[in-house]
Amino acid sequence: MKFTIQSLILLISAIGFSQETIPDLLKKHNNKSVPYISIQELAMSKSEVIILDAREPKEYGTSHIKNAIYIGYDNFDIATVSKIIENKQAPIVVYCSVGIRSEVIAEKLKKAGHDNVFNLYGGIFNWKNEDFSVFNAEGKETDSIHTFNQEWSKWLKKGVKVYD
């Protein structure tokens, strides 16, 4: 009986510790080629920051950070973005769900000569997890976040999970 209880405790602990976190994902998939900006740093920023959403249309339409400009990921076009952001020194923050796709897009922005580009650490999931507001396609505050699929939804701890 004692062995069974100890084995059960060990198994539960192993499962709990094996759960991948957002920091684990970012360490695994990102190379830190673009500096991160924290949720708190962005929220408290006093300067004019251009916020770019590097997710897909369904994700952005479900919700996005206020005043974020949709630029997409699969169909990202640097020429279009360069027309929108002519000032190469303008501070830019790129985000996606957790910060993986946004690093790829931020790298493209840097390669195109944008010098002041940051990747939002933890993306919109951490933004919502930290109780910051998101807005739907009509500009109204919402609790819904498009999590891409059920697997990715595990990193969103607050809000309503939406996926197809």
Protein backbone atom coordinates (compact mmCIF):
# COMPACT_ATOMS: atom_id res chain seq x y z
CA MET A 1 0.00 0.00 0.00
CA LYS A 2 2.82 2.40 0.93
CA PHE A 3 4.59 1.64 -2.36
CA THR A 4 1.39 2.28 -4.34
CA ILE A 5 0.83 5.67 -2.69
CA GLN A 6 4.45 6.68 -3.23
CA SER A 7 4.27 5.59 -6.86
CA LEU A 8 1.06 7.55 -7.37
CA ILE A 9 2.57 10.70 -5.80
CA LEU A 10 5.67 10.33 -7.99
CA LEU A 11 3.55 9.89 -11.12
CA ILE A 12 1.39 12.94 -10.36
CA SER A 13 4.50 15.02 -9.65
CA ALA A 14 6.14 13.92 -12.90
CA ILE A 15 3.04 14.83 -14.89
CA GLY A 16 2.80 18.21 -13.18
CA PHE A 17 6.45 19.06 -13.78
CA SER A 18 6.41 17.88 -17.38
CA GLN A 19 3.78 20.44 -18.36
CA GLU A 20 5.36 22.84 -20.81
CA THR A 21 4.98 26.52 -19.96
CA ILE A 22 5.09 29.62 -22.16
CA PRO A 23 8.68 30.33 -21.04
CA ASP A 24 9.56 26.73 -22.00
CA LEU A 25 8.00 27.21 -25.44
CA LEU A 26 9.87 30.45 -26.02
CA LYS A 27 13.21 28.91 -24.99
CA LYS A 28 12.54 25.95 -27.28
CA HIS A 29 11.34 27.84 -30.39
CA ASN A 30 12.90 31.31 -30.24
CA ASN A 31 16.52 32.35 -30.63
CA LYS A 32 16.14 35.77 -28.93
CA SER A 33 17.14 37.54 -32.14
CA VAL A 34 14.61 40.22 -31.21
CA PRO A 35 14.50 41.65 -27.69
CA TYR A 36 11.43 40.88 -25.63
CA ILE A 37 9.25 43.51 -24.04
CA SER A 38 7.18 42.43 -21.04
CA ILE A 39 3.44 42.89 -20.73
CA GLN A 40 4.02 45.39 -17.91
CA GLU A 41 6.61 47.39 -19.89
CA LEU A 42 4.25 47.71 -22.84
CA ALA A 43 1.26 48.59 -20.64
CA MET A 44 3.24 51.32 -18.84
CA SER A 45 4.96 52.67 -21.95
CA LYS A 46 4.62 56.44 -22.19
CA SER A 47 5.92 56.72 -25.75
CA GLU A 48 3.98 56.18 -28.94
CA VAL A 49 4.42 52.49 -29.68
CA ILE A 50 3.17 50.85 -32.84
CA ILE A 51 1.63 47.48 -31.97
CA LEU A 52 1.49 44.85 -34.72
CA ASP A 53 -0.58 41.66 -34.57
CA ALA A 54 1.17 38.77 -36.33
CA ARG A 55 -1.67 36.26 -36.12
CA GLU A 56 -4.23 35.16 -38.68
CA PRO A 57 -7.47 37.01 -39.54
CA LYS A 58 -9.75 34.78 -37.40
CA GLU A 59 -7.50 35.28 -34.40
CA TYR A 60 -7.31 39.06 -34.83
CA GLY A 61 -11.06 39.33 -35.49
CA THR A 62 -11.88 37.43 -32.30
CA SER A 63 -9.75 39.82 -30.24
CA HIS A 64 -6.63 41.92 -30.32
CA ILE A 65 -4.77 44.45 -28.20
CA LYS A 66 -6.26 47.93 -28.48
CA ASN A 67 -4.96 49.88 -31.49
CA ALA A 68 -3.01 46.87 -32.79
CA ILE A 69 -2.52 46.83 -36.55
CA TYR A 70 -3.20 43.50 -38.23
CA ILE A 71 -0.22 42.37 -40.33
CA GLY A 72 -0.76 38.60 -40.32
CA TYR A 73 1.74 35.81 -40.46
CA ASP A 74 1.09 33.48 -43.40
CA ASN A 75 0.49 36.41 -45.77
CA PHE A 76 2.83 38.93 -44.14
CA ASP A 77 4.09 41.49 -46.65
CA ILE A 78 7.03 43.68 -45.60
CA ALA A 79 6.35 46.19 -48.41
CA THR A 80 2.84 46.85 -47.07
CA VAL A 81 4.08 47.25 -43.52
CA SER A 82 6.91 49.56 -44.64
CA LYS A 83 4.29 51.83 -46.26
CA ILE A 84 2.32 51.91 -42.99
CA ILE A 85 5.42 52.50 -40.86
CA GLU A 86 7.69 54.84 -42.79
CA ASN A 87 9.76 55.89 -39.76
CA LYS A 88 12.40 53.16 -39.39
CA GLN A 89 13.19 54.34 -35.84
CA ALA A 90 9.57 54.14 -34.60
CA PRO A 91 9.17 51.79 -31.61
CA ILE A 92 7.35 48.65 -32.76
CA VAL A 93 6.00 45.80 -30.65
CA VAL A 94 4.97 42.64 -32.48
CA TYR A 95 2.81 39.99 -30.84
CA CYS A 96 1.08 36.72 -31.63
CA SER A 97 -0.45 34.08 -29.35
CA VAL A 98 2.62 33.40 -27.21
CA GLY A 99 5.59 35.02 -28.99
CA ILE A 100 6.87 32.50 -31.54
CA ARG A 101 5.35 33.77 -34.80
CA SER A 102 5.95 37.35 -33.68
CA GLU A 103 9.70 36.73 -33.43
CA VAL A 104 9.75 35.59 -37.08
CA ILE A 105 7.87 38.71 -38.20
CA ALA A 106 9.98 40.99 -35.99
CA GLU A 107 13.14 39.52 -37.59
CA LYS A 108 11.75 40.46 -41.03
CA LEU A 109 11.06 43.99 -39.81
CA LYS A 110 14.62 44.30 -38.49
CA LYS A 111 16.03 42.96 -41.76
CA ALA A 112 14.00 45.65 -43.59
CA GLY A 113 15.72 48.33 -41.50
CA HIS A 114 13.33 48.90 -38.61
CA ASP A 115 15.69 49.49 -35.68
CA ASN A 116 13.40 49.62 -32.66
CA VAL A 117 11.48 46.32 -32.78
CA PHE A 118 10.39 44.21 -29.80
CA ASN A 119 8.63 40.87 -29.34
CA LEU A 120 5.84 40.84 -26.72
CA TYR A 121 6.82 38.17 -24.21
CA GLY A 122 4.01 35.63 -23.92
CA GLY A 123 1.91 37.34 -26.58
CA ILE A 124 -1.79 37.98 -26.28
CA PHE A 125 -2.21 34.93 -24.02
CA ASN A 126 -0.03 36.49 -21.31
CA TRP A 127 -1.66 39.87 -21.98
CA LYS A 128 -5.07 38.37 -21.14
CA ASN A 129 -3.64 36.19 -18.35
CA GLU A 130 -2.41 39.43 -16.72
CA ASP A 131 -5.97 40.86 -16.91
CA PHE A 132 -5.37 43.42 -19.67
CA SER A 133 -8.22 44.21 -22.05
CA VAL A 134 -8.67 42.89 -25.56
CA PHE A 135 -11.08 44.10 -28.22
CA ASN A 136 -13.10 42.38 -30.92
CA ALA A 137 -13.52 43.33 -34.59
CA GLU A 138 -16.18 45.89 -33.65
CA GLY A 139 -13.81 47.58 -31.18
CA LYS A 140 -15.72 46.35 -28.13
CA GLU A 141 -13.99 44.85 -25.12
CA THR A 142 -14.29 41.07 -25.02
CA ASP A 143 -13.06 38.13 -22.96
CA SER A 144 -12.67 35.90 -26.02
CA ILE A 145 -9.24 34.91 -27.29
CA HIS A 146 -8.72 32.77 -30.37
CA THR A 147 -6.34 30.05 -29.19
CA PHE A 148 -5.73 28.50 -32.62
CA ASN A 149 -6.67 25.00 -31.45
CA GLN A 150 -7.42 23.00 -28.31
CA GLU A 151 -3.76 22.10 -27.74
CA TRP A 152 -2.62 25.74 -27.71
CA SER A 153 -5.53 26.78 -25.52
CA LYS A 154 -3.84 25.30 -22.44
CA TRP A 155 -1.62 28.38 -22.16
CA LEU A 156 -4.55 30.77 -21.89
CA LYS A 157 -5.53 30.81 -18.22
CA LYS A 158 -8.10 33.62 -18.29
CA GLY A 159 -10.78 34.55 -20.78
CA VAL A 160 -12.97 32.58 -23.15
CA LYS A 161 -11.08 30.15 -25.38
CA VAL A 162 -12.17 30.19 -29.02
CA TYR A 163 -10.85 27.81 -31.66
CA ASP A 164 -12.16 26.04 -34.75
